Amino acid sequence: MTETDHDKVFAGTIPEFYDTLMVPLIFKAYAADLAALVAAASPGSVLETAAGSGVVTRALAPKLRAGARYVVTDLNQPMLDYAATRQGDDSRIEWRQADALDLPFDDASFDVVCCQFGAMFFPDRIAGYAEARRMLRTGGRFVFNVWDRIEENAFADDVTNAIATVFPHDPPRFLARTPHGYHDIALIREELSRAGFADIEIETREKVSCAPSARDAATAYCLGTPLRNEIEARDAGLLQLATNRATEAIARRHGKGPVAGKIQAHVIVAAG
């Protein structure tokens, strides 16, 4: 399995660590933003791709009208299964394993397609964007977000640099390579245009990531993301050392008590 294959594997205990640690650390605030953008036009039907552990689903479902159709998909069945366990009974929601690049729905089936921090994982983003556009009815919108470069995201940068000291000859670069590897606004616009979108709005939003301790933040990244796969592929016995080094780096920069660091992402709304 290549490193880019490892980047897409959210299995084992990763979904639980992801949801309990990563979601409150960096995803929850942006999920609220995305849910507000999607709900603003009171859509009758919404497709969510790359739903992960369901943080957007939990934020968006209460904002949709009673008769709305909400289809929630993810490529990783373990993540989707976990998301379903976190969501209360809701007859409007359909859970479906699906590839965002090959969606099993008819053309023009939805008013909105949304995707939180998933586009970076698409092996062919233009194809993924074209699929999203194919799903949309006339006047529909594709609402999604991507992380800005890793240097604008404090904890991710701290963790990456710290773990490099454990594996100096082959540093795990998952965070820089994939979650934070697709941040060029000009490229995002170009690829959306090539997929057929004509009206593209991009806003860069800075927020603050908070954790009860440096250990919590380090554990979130090292155990709750595919960075764990990358560390274990090198030497599973060094996972604890890597987490310790990441903890020390975050504590040095942000303090030994509760920690706070900058996070930054691009929020995109595309139509037509």
C-alpha atoms as a PDB file:
ATOM      1  CA  MET A   1       0.000   0.000   0.000  1.00  0.00           C
ATOM      2  CA  THR A   2       1.446   3.415  -0.984  1.00  0.00           C
ATOM      3  CA  GLU A   3       1.485   6.416   1.323  1.00  0.00           C
ATOM      4  CA  THR A   4      -1.295   8.060  -0.673  1.00  0.00           C
ATOM      5  CA  ASP A   5      -3.342   4.878  -0.186  1.00  0.00           C
ATOM      6  CA  HIS A   6      -2.668   5.054   3.560  1.00  0.00           C
ATOM      7  CA  ASP A   7      -3.955   8.660   3.492  1.00  0.00           C
ATOM      8  CA  LYS A   8      -7.487   7.420   2.764  1.00  0.00           C
ATOM      9  CA  VAL A   9      -7.681   4.682   5.407  1.00  0.00           C
ATOM     10  CA  PHE A  10      -9.904   5.686   8.324  1.00  0.00           C
ATOM     11  CA  ALA A  11     -10.435   2.327  10.046  1.00  0.00           C
ATOM     12  CA  GLY A  12      -9.785   0.467  13.293  1.00  0.00           C
ATOM     13  CA  THR A  13      -9.884   2.895  16.218  1.00  0.00           C
ATOM     14  CA  ILE A  14      -9.235   5.956  14.028  1.00  0.00           C
ATOM     15  CA  PRO A  15     -12.950   6.869  13.570  1.00  0.00           C
ATOM     16  CA  GLU A  16     -13.528   7.033  17.334  1.00  0.00           C
ATOM     17  CA  PHE A  17     -10.363   9.011  18.082  1.00  0.00           C
ATOM     18  CA  TYR A  18     -11.132  11.240  15.084  1.00  0.00           C
ATOM     19  CA  ASP A  19     -14.620  12.039  16.318  1.00  0.00           C
ATOM     20  CA  THR A  20     -13.875  12.438  20.007  1.00  0.00           C
ATOM     21  CA  LEU A  21     -10.582  14.326  19.630  1.00  0.00           C
ATOM     22  CA  MET A  22     -10.135  15.784  16.121  1.00  0.00           C
ATOM     23  CA  VAL A  23     -13.721  16.956  15.619  1.00  0.00           C
ATOM     24  CA  PRO A  24     -13.832  19.334  18.604  1.00  0.00           C
ATOM     25  CA  LEU A  25     -10.214  20.348  17.990  1.00  0.00           C
ATOM     26  CA  ILE A  26     -10.496  21.579  14.388  1.00  0.00           C
ATOM     27  CA  PHE A  27     -13.662  20.428  12.598  1.00  0.00           C
ATOM     28  CA  LYS A  28     -16.653  21.508  14.679  1.00  0.00           C
ATOM     29  CA  ALA A  29     -16.380  25.265  14.087  1.00  0.00           C
ATOM     30  CA  TYR A  30     -16.035  24.877  10.330  1.00  0.00           C
ATOM     31  CA  ALA A  31     -18.927  22.380  10.295  1.00  0.00           C
ATOM     32  CA  ALA A  32     -21.161  25.058  11.812  1.00  0.00           C
ATOM     33  CA  ASP A  33     -20.099  27.472   9.047  1.00  0.00           C
ATOM     34  CA  LEU A  34     -20.744  24.911   6.322  1.00  0.00           C
ATOM     35  CA  ALA A  35     -24.135  23.961   7.765  1.00  0.00           C
ATOM     36  CA  ALA A  36     -25.187  27.619   7.848  1.00  0.00           C
ATOM     37  CA  LEU A  37     -24.133  28.139   4.219  1.00  0.00           C
ATOM     38  CA  VAL A  38     -26.000  25.020   3.059  1.00  0.00           C
ATOM     39  CA  ALA A  39     -29.159  25.782   5.031  1.00  0.00           C
ATOM     40  CA  ALA A  40     -29.313  29.442   3.974  1.00  0.00           C
ATOM     41  CA  ALA A  41     -31.325  28.696   0.819  1.00  0.00           C
ATOM     42  CA  SER A  42     -33.621  26.172   2.563  1.00  0.00           C
ATOM     43  CA  PRO A  43     -32.755  23.338   0.140  1.00  0.00           C
ATOM     44  CA  GLY A  44     -35.202  20.507  -0.415  1.00  0.00           C
ATOM     45  CA  SER A  45     -32.457  17.971  -1.042  1.00  0.00           C
ATOM     46  CA  VAL A  46     -28.832  17.800   0.080  1.00  0.00           C
ATOM     47  CA  LEU A  47     -26.039  15.376  -0.762  1.00  0.00           C
ATOM     48  CA  GLU A  48     -23.067  15.261   1.577  1.00  0.00           C
ATOM     49  CA  THR A  49     -19.903  13.567   0.334  1.00  0.00           C
ATOM     50  CA  ALA A  50     -16.882  12.525   2.418  1.00  0.00           C
ATOM     51  CA  ALA A  51     -19.031  12.907   5.530  1.00  0.00           C
ATOM     52  CA  GLY A  52     -16.471  11.340   7.848  1.00  0.00           C
ATOM     53  CA  SER A  53     -17.750  10.865  11.386  1.00  0.00           C
ATOM     54  CA  GLY A  54     -20.782  13.061  10.753  1.00  0.00           C
ATOM     55  CA  VAL A  55     -19.890  16.422  12.289  1.00  0.00           C
ATOM     56  CA  VAL A  56     -21.531  18.359   9.431  1.00  0.00           C
ATOM     57  CA  THR A  57     -24.498  15.991   9.456  1.00  0.00           C
ATOM     58  CA  ARG A  58     -25.109  16.705  13.132  1.00  0.00           C
ATOM     59  CA  ALA A  59     -24.849  20.454  12.539  1.00  0.00           C
ATOM     60  CA  LEU A  60     -26.918  20.553   9.339  1.00  0.00           C
ATOM     61  CA  ALA A  61     -29.799  18.146   9.967  1.00  0.00           C
ATOM     62  CA  PRO A  62     -31.496  20.378  12.585  1.00  0.00           C
ATOM     63  CA  LYS A  63     -31.369  23.306  10.132  1.00  0.00           C
ATOM     64  CA  LEU A  64     -33.127  21.505   7.249  1.00  0.00           C
ATOM     65  CA  ARG A  65     -36.869  21.675   6.783  1.00  0.00           C
ATOM     66  CA  ALA A  66     -39.132  18.819   7.796  1.00  0.00           C
ATOM     67  CA  GLY A  67     -39.615  17.391   4.302  1.00  0.00           C
ATOM     68  CA  ALA A  68     -36.016  17.681   3.134  1.00  0.00           C
ATOM     69  CA  ARG A  69     -34.060  14.741   1.729  1.00  0.00           C
ATOM     70  CA  TYR A  70     -30.552  14.412   3.120  1.00  0.00           C
ATOM     71  CA  VAL A  71     -28.227  11.748   1.690  1.00  0.00           C
ATOM     72  CA  VAL A  72     -24.996  11.308   3.658  1.00  0.00           C
ATOM     73  CA  THR A  73     -22.123   9.448   1.995  1.00  0.00           C
ATOM     74  CA  ASP A  74     -18.516   8.507   2.618  1.00  0.00           C
ATOM     75  CA  LEU A  75     -16.009   6.261   0.887  1.00  0.00           C
ATOM     76  CA  ASN A  76     -15.026   4.653   4.212  1.00  0.00           C
ATOM     77  CA  GLN A  77     -17.762   2.404   5.589  1.00  0.00           C
ATOM     78  CA  PRO A  78     -16.270   2.380   9.151  1.00  0.00           C
ATOM     79  CA  MET A  79     -16.512   6.180   9.298  1.00  0.00           C
ATOM     80  CA  LEU A  80     -20.065   6.121   7.958  1.00  0.00           C
ATOM     81  CA  ASP A  81     -21.079   3.437  10.456  1.00  0.00           C
ATOM     82  CA  TYR A  82     -19.644   5.500  13.283  1.00  0.00           C
ATOM     83  CA  ALA A  83     -21.415   8.650  12.040  1.00  0.00           C
ATOM     84  CA  ALA A  84     -24.753   6.840  12.013  1.00  0.00           C
ATOM     85  CA  THR A  85     -24.311   5.811  15.656  1.00  0.00           C
ATOM     86  CA  ARG A  86     -23.830   9.467  16.632  1.00  0.00           C
ATOM     87  CA  GLN A  87     -26.953  10.692  14.833  1.00  0.00           C
ATOM     88  CA  GLY A  88     -30.404  10.414  16.381  1.00  0.00           C
ATOM     89  CA  ASP A  89     -33.248   8.797  14.465  1.00  0.00           C
ATOM     90  CA  ASP A  90     -34.100  10.991  11.499  1.00  0.00           C
ATOM     91  CA  SER A  91     -36.233   9.693   8.627  1.00  0.00           C
ATOM     92  CA  ARG A  92     -34.883  12.431   6.326  1.00  0.00           C
ATOM     93  CA  ILE A  93     -31.343  10.988   6.409  1.00  0.00           C
ATOM     94  CA  GLU A  94     -30.157   8.202   4.125  1.00  0.00           C
ATOM     95  CA  TRP A  95     -26.693   6.747   4.842  1.00  0.00           C
ATOM     96  CA  ARG A  96     -24.893   5.475   1.760  1.00  0.00           C
ATOM     97  CA  GLN A  97     -21.358   4.241   1.111  1.00  0.00           C
ATOM     98  CA  ALA A  98     -20.269   6.038  -2.054  1.00  0.00           C
ATOM     99  CA  ASP A  99     -17.229   7.329  -3.904  1.00  0.00           C
ATOM    100  CA  ALA A 100     -17.428  11.096  -4.477  1.00  0.00           C
ATOM    101  CA  LEU A 101     -15.826  10.532  -7.895  1.00  0.00           C
ATOM    102  CA  ASP A 102     -18.443   7.992  -8.977  1.00  0.00           C
ATOM    103  CA  LEU A 103     -21.738   8.812  -7.289  1.00  0.00           C
ATOM    104  CA  PRO A 104     -24.626   6.347  -7.627  1.00  0.00           C
ATOM    105  CA  PHE A 105     -27.332   8.981  -8.193  1.00  0.00           C
ATOM    106  CA  ASP A 106     -29.132  10.385 -11.222  1.00  0.00           C
ATOM    107  CA  ASP A 107     -28.188  13.713 -12.769  1.00  0.00           C
ATOM    108  CA  ALA A 108     -29.721  16.821 -11.191  1.00  0.00           C
ATOM    109  CA  SER A 109     -30.883  15.003  -8.055  1.00  0.00           C
ATOM    110  CA  PHE A 110     -29.969  17.596  -5.408  1.00  0.00           C
ATOM    111  CA  ASP A 111     -30.233  21.300  -4.622  1.00  0.00           C
ATOM    112  CA  VAL A 112     -26.935  21.351  -2.723  1.00  0.00           C
ATOM    113  CA  VAL A 113     -23.849  19.158  -2.591  1.00  0.00           C
ATOM    114  CA  CYS A 114     -21.607  19.753   0.412  1.00  0.00           C
ATOM    115  CA  CYS A 115     -18.247  18.341   1.439  1.00  0.00           C
ATOM    116  CA  GLN A 116     -16.225  19.200   4.528  1.00  0.00           C
ATOM    117  CA  PHE A 117     -12.444  18.788   4.124  1.00  0.00           C
ATOM    118  CA  GLY A 118     -12.798  15.947   1.646  1.00  0.00           C
ATOM    119  CA  ALA A 119     -11.648  17.399  -1.686  1.00  0.00           C
ATOM    120  CA  MET A 120      -7.983  17.122  -0.657  1.00  0.00           C
ATOM    121  CA  PHE A 121      -8.373  13.325  -0.631  1.00  0.00           C
ATOM    122  CA  PHE A 122      -9.875  13.081  -4.140  1.00  0.00           C
ATOM    123  CA  PRO A 123      -7.430  11.277  -6.452  1.00  0.00           C
ATOM    124  CA  ASP A 124      -8.872  13.359  -9.315  1.00  0.00           C
ATOM    125  CA  ARG A 125     -10.367  16.598  -8.027  1.00  0.00           C
ATOM    126  CA  ILE A 126     -11.686  17.758 -11.383  1.00  0.00           C
ATOM    127  CA  ALA A 127     -13.583  14.476 -11.733  1.00  0.00           C
ATOM    128  CA  GLY A 128     -14.898  14.887  -8.192  1.00  0.00           C
ATOM    129  CA  TYR A 129     -16.034  18.430  -8.903  1.00  0.00           C
ATOM    130  CA  ALA A 130     -17.661  17.355 -12.163  1.00  0.00           C
ATOM    131  CA  GLU A 131     -19.574  14.659 -10.264  1.00  0.00           C
ATOM    132  CA  ALA A 132     -20.772  17.258  -7.755  1.00  0.00           C
ATOM    133  CA  ARG A 133     -21.926  19.484 -10.622  1.00  0.00           C
ATOM    134  CA  ARG A 134     -23.696  16.538 -12.267  1.00  0.00           C
ATOM    135  CA  MET A 135     -25.682  16.046  -9.059  1.00  0.00           C
ATOM    136  CA  LEU A 136     -26.952  19.632  -8.976  1.00  0.00           C
ATOM    137  CA  ARG A 137     -30.281  20.900 -10.210  1.00  0.00           C
ATOM    138  CA  THR A 138     -30.411  24.247 -12.037  1.00  0.00           C
ATOM    139  CA  GLY A 139     -29.439  26.942  -9.562  1.00  0.00           C
ATOM    140  CA  GLY A 140     -27.855  24.428  -7.195  1.00  0.00           C
ATOM    141  CA  ARG A 141     -24.680  25.041  -5.204  1.00  0.00           C
ATOM    142  CA  PHE A 142     -21.579  23.051  -4.313  1.00  0.00           C
ATOM    143  CA  VAL A 143     -20.419  24.108  -0.827  1.00  0.00           C
ATOM    144  CA  PHE A 144     -17.120  22.797   0.519  1.00  0.00           C
ATOM    145  CA  ASN A 145     -13.952  23.699   2.374  1.00  0.00           C
ATOM    146  CA  VAL A 146     -10.261  22.816   2.316  1.00  0.00           C
ATOM    147  CA  TRP A 147      -7.456  23.541   4.739  1.00  0.00           C
ATOM    148  CA  ASP A 148      -4.990  26.334   4.063  1.00  0.00           C
ATOM    149  CA  ARG A 149      -1.249  25.543   4.018  1.00  0.00           C
ATOM    150  CA  ILE A 150       0.144  23.758   7.052  1.00  0.00           C
ATOM    151  CA  GLU A 151       2.155  26.789   8.213  1.00  0.00           C
ATOM    152  CA  GLU A 152      -1.180  28.565   8.838  1.00  0.00           C
ATOM    153  CA  ASN A 153      -2.368  25.693  11.074  1.00  0.00           C
ATOM    154  CA  ALA A 154      -0.332  25.680  14.251  1.00  0.00           C
ATOM    155  CA  PHE A 155      -0.894  22.252  15.793  1.00  0.00           C
ATOM    156  CA  ALA A 156      -0.639  20.363  12.493  1.00  0.00           C
ATOM    157  CA  ASP A 157       2.654  22.116  11.792  1.00  0.00           C
ATOM    158  CA  ASP A 158       3.969  21.435  15.308  1.00  0.00           C
ATOM    159  CA  VAL A 159       3.070  17.737  15.090  1.00  0.00           C
ATOM    160  CA  THR A 160       4.624  17.288  11.642  1.00  0.00           C
ATOM    161  CA  ASN A 161       7.892  18.916  12.665  1.00  0.00           C
ATOM    162  CA  ALA A 162       8.066  16.986  15.937  1.00  0.00           C
ATOM    163  CA  ILE A 163       7.461  13.576  14.374  1.00  0.00           C
ATOM    164  CA  ALA A 164      10.159  14.294  11.808  1.00  0.00           C
ATOM    165  CA  THR A 165      12.651  14.108  14.687  1.00  0.00           C
ATOM    166  CA  VAL A 166      11.572  10.498  15.345  1.00  0.00           C
ATOM    167  CA  PHE A 167      11.992   9.507  11.690  1.00  0.00           C
ATOM    168  CA  PRO A 168      14.639  11.947  10.398  1.00  0.00           C
ATOM    169  CA  HIS A 169      15.462   9.914   7.285  1.00  0.00           C
ATOM    170  CA  ASP A 170      11.844   9.276   6.285  1.00  0.00           C
ATOM    171  CA  PRO A 171       9.559  11.798   8.031  1.00  0.00           C
ATOM    172  CA  PRO A 172       5.807  11.120   7.903  1.00  0.00           C
ATOM    173  CA  ARG A 173       4.327  13.939   5.829  1.00  0.00           C
ATOM    174  CA  PHE A 174       0.642  12.968   5.750  1.00  0.00           C
ATOM    175  CA  LEU A 175      -0.614  16.237   7.255  1.00  0.00           C
ATOM    176  CA  ALA A 176       1.406  18.471   4.924  1.00  0.00           C
ATOM    177  CA  ARG A 177       0.904  16.241   1.884  1.00  0.00           C
ATOM    178  CA  THR A 178      -2.841  15.653   1.997  1.00  0.00           C
ATOM    179  CA  PRO A 179      -5.010  17.651   4.448  1.00  0.00           C
ATOM    180  CA  HIS A 180      -2.870  20.757   3.934  1.00  0.00           C
ATOM    181  CA  GLY A 181      -1.652  19.977   0.433  1.00  0.00           C
ATOM    182  CA  TYR A 182      -4.432  21.662  -1.549  1.00  0.00           C
ATOM    183  CA  HIS A 183      -4.479  25.315  -0.571  1.00  0.00           C
ATOM    184  CA  ASP A 184      -3.684  27.260  -3.764  1.00  0.00           C
ATOM    185  CA  ILE A 185      -6.767  29.414  -4.412  1.00  0.00           C
ATOM    186  CA  ALA A 186      -5.881  29.950  -8.069  1.00  0.00           C
ATOM    187  CA  LEU A 187      -5.633  26.172  -8.577  1.00  0.00           C
ATOM    188  CA  ILE A 188      -8.946  25.585  -6.794  1.00  0.00           C
ATOM    189  CA  ARG A 189     -10.656  28.126  -9.076  1.00  0.00           C
ATOM    190  CA  GLU A 190      -9.046  26.632 -12.166  1.00  0.00           C
ATOM    191  CA  GLU A 191     -10.089  23.081 -11.329  1.00  0.00           C
ATOM    192  CA  LEU A 192     -13.655  24.108 -10.492  1.00  0.00           C
ATOM    193  CA  SER A 193     -13.841  26.019 -13.789  1.00  0.00           C
ATOM    194  CA  ARG A 194     -12.556  22.995 -15.699  1.00  0.00           C
ATOM    195  CA  ALA A 195     -15.302  20.934 -14.037  1.00  0.00           C
ATOM    196  CA  GLY A 196     -17.915  23.357 -15.374  1.00  0.00           C
ATOM    197  CA  PHE A 197     -18.534  25.774 -12.499  1.00  0.00           C
ATOM    198  CA  ALA A 198     -18.812  29.420 -13.555  1.00  0.00           C
ATOM    199  CA  ASP A 199     -19.675  31.252 -10.327  1.00  0.00           C
ATOM    200  CA  ILE A 200     -17.023  30.585  -7.672  1.00  0.00           C
ATOM    201  CA  GLU A 201     -16.685  32.354  -4.318  1.00  0.00           C
ATOM    202  CA  ILE A 202     -13.750  31.596  -2.007  1.00  0.00           C
ATOM    203  CA  GLU A 203     -13.331  33.031   1.480  1.00  0.00           C
ATOM    204  CA  THR A 204     -10.377  32.315   3.766  1.00  0.00           C
ATOM    205  CA  ARG A 205     -11.504  31.946   7.366  1.00  0.00           C
ATOM    206  CA  GLU A 206      -9.221  31.910  10.405  1.00  0.00           C
ATOM    207  CA  LYS A 207     -10.353  30.277  13.633  1.00  0.00           C
ATOM    208  CA  VAL A 208      -8.827  29.122  16.908  1.00  0.00           C
ATOM    209  CA  SER A 209      -8.247  25.468  17.738  1.00  0.00           C
ATOM    210  CA  CYS A 210      -8.481  24.647  21.447  1.00  0.00           C
ATOM    211  CA  ALA A 211      -7.645  21.509  23.456  1.00  0.00           C
ATOM    212  CA  PRO A 212      -7.623  20.743  27.188  1.00  0.00           C
ATOM    213  CA  SER A 213      -3.897  19.987  26.958  1.00  0.00           C
ATOM    214  CA  ALA A 214      -0.982  19.569  24.595  1.00  0.00           C
ATOM    215  CA  ARG A 215      -1.338  15.801  25.088  1.00  0.00           C
ATOM    216  CA  ASP A 216      -4.953  15.900  23.859  1.00  0.00           C
ATOM    217  CA  ALA A 217      -3.982  17.847  20.749  1.00  0.00           C
ATOM    218  CA  ALA A 218      -1.045  15.551  19.955  1.00  0.00           C
ATOM    219  CA  THR A 219      -3.115  12.412  20.534  1.00  0.00           C
ATOM    220  CA  ALA A 220      -5.817  13.719  18.206  1.00  0.00           C
ATOM    221  CA  TYR A 221      -3.385  14.029  15.302  1.00  0.00           C
ATOM    222  CA  CYS A 222      -1.304  10.925  16.021  1.00  0.00           C
ATOM    223  CA  LEU A 223      -4.162   8.514  16.770  1.00  0.00           C
ATOM    224  CA  GLY A 224      -7.200  10.103  15.123  1.00  0.00           C
ATOM    225  CA  THR A 225      -5.942  10.580  11.564  1.00  0.00           C
ATOM    226  CA  PRO A 226      -4.179   8.446   8.922  1.00  0.00           C
ATOM    227  CA  LEU A 227      -0.941   9.915  10.286  1.00  0.00           C
ATOM    228  CA  ARG A 228      -1.166   6.925  12.624  1.00  0.00           C
ATOM    229  CA  ASN A 229      -1.033   4.569   9.624  1.00  0.00           C
ATOM    230  CA  GLU A 230       2.037   6.361   8.332  1.00  0.00           C
ATOM    231  CA  ILE A 231       3.869   6.166  11.685  1.00  0.00           C
ATOM    232  CA  GLU A 232       3.003   2.503  12.180  1.00  0.00           C
ATOM    233  CA  ALA A 233       4.100   1.644   8.647  1.00  0.00           C
ATOM    234  CA  ARG A 234       7.572   2.867   9.627  1.00  0.00           C
ATOM    235  CA  ASP A 235       7.701   1.381  13.141  1.00  0.00           C
ATOM    236  CA  ALA A 236       4.560   0.656  15.191  1.00  0.00           C
ATOM    237  CA  GLY A 237       6.694   0.531  18.313  1.00  0.00           C
ATOM    238  CA  LEU A 238       7.467   4.232  17.947  1.00  0.00           C
ATOM    239  CA  LEU A 239       3.842   5.476  17.936  1.00  0.00           C
ATOM    240  CA  GLN A 240       3.991   6.417  21.624  1.00  0.00           C
ATOM    241  CA  LEU A 241       7.356   8.165  21.220  1.00  0.00           C
ATOM    242  CA  ALA A 242       6.008  10.103  18.244  1.00  0.00           C
ATOM    243  CA  THR A 243       2.956  11.175  20.272  1.00  0.00           C
ATOM    244  CA  ASN A 244       5.222  12.205  23.151  1.00  0.00           C
ATOM    245  CA  ARG A 245       7.427  14.312  20.870  1.00  0.00           C
ATOM    246  CA  ALA A 246       4.345  15.989  19.393  1.00  0.00           C
ATOM    247  CA  THR A 247       3.028  16.687  22.906  1.00  0.00           C
ATOM    248  CA  GLU A 248       6.329  18.270  23.927  1.00  0.00           C
ATOM    249  CA  ALA A 249       6.406  20.461  20.804  1.00  0.00           C
ATOM    250  CA  ILE A 250       2.875  21.755  21.328  1.00  0.00           C
ATOM    251  CA  ALA A 251       3.519  22.389  25.029  1.00  0.00           C
ATOM    252  CA  ARG A 252       6.716  24.306  24.239  1.00  0.00           C
ATOM    253  CA  ARG A 253       4.913  26.604  21.836  1.00  0.00           C
ATOM    254  CA  HIS A 254       1.466  26.889  23.433  1.00  0.00           C
ATOM    255  CA  GLY A 255       1.877  26.120  27.150  1.00  0.00           C
ATOM    256  CA  LYS A 256       1.402  23.191  29.504  1.00  0.00           C
ATOM    257  CA  GLY A 257      -2.226  23.818  30.421  1.00  0.00           C
ATOM    258  CA  PRO A 258      -5.133  24.236  27.988  1.00  0.00           C
ATOM    259  CA  VAL A 259      -3.723  25.103  24.547  1.00  0.00           C
ATOM    260  CA  ALA A 260      -4.969  27.243  21.675  1.00  0.00           C
ATOM    261  CA  GLY A 261      -3.566  27.597  18.164  1.00  0.00           C
ATOM    262  CA  LYS A 262      -4.500  29.169  14.866  1.00  0.00           C
ATOM    263  CA  ILE A 263      -6.309  27.166  12.205  1.00  0.00           C
ATOM    264  CA  GLN A 264      -7.213  28.457   8.747  1.00  0.00           C
ATOM    265  CA  ALA A 265      -9.256  27.138   5.840  1.00  0.00           C
ATOM    266  CA  HIS A 266     -10.773  28.191   2.525  1.00  0.00           C
ATOM    267  CA  VAL A 267     -14.581  28.031   2.282  1.00  0.00           C
ATOM    268  CA  ILE A 268     -15.887  27.683  -1.270  1.00  0.00           C
ATOM    269  CA  VAL A 269     -19.339  28.099  -2.814  1.00  0.00           C
ATOM    270  CA  ALA A 270     -19.559  27.155  -6.509  1.00  0.00           C
ATOM    271  CA  ALA A 271     -22.541  27.302  -8.848  1.00  0.00           C
ATOM    272  CA  GLY A 272     -23.395  27.096 -12.507  1.00  0.00           C
END
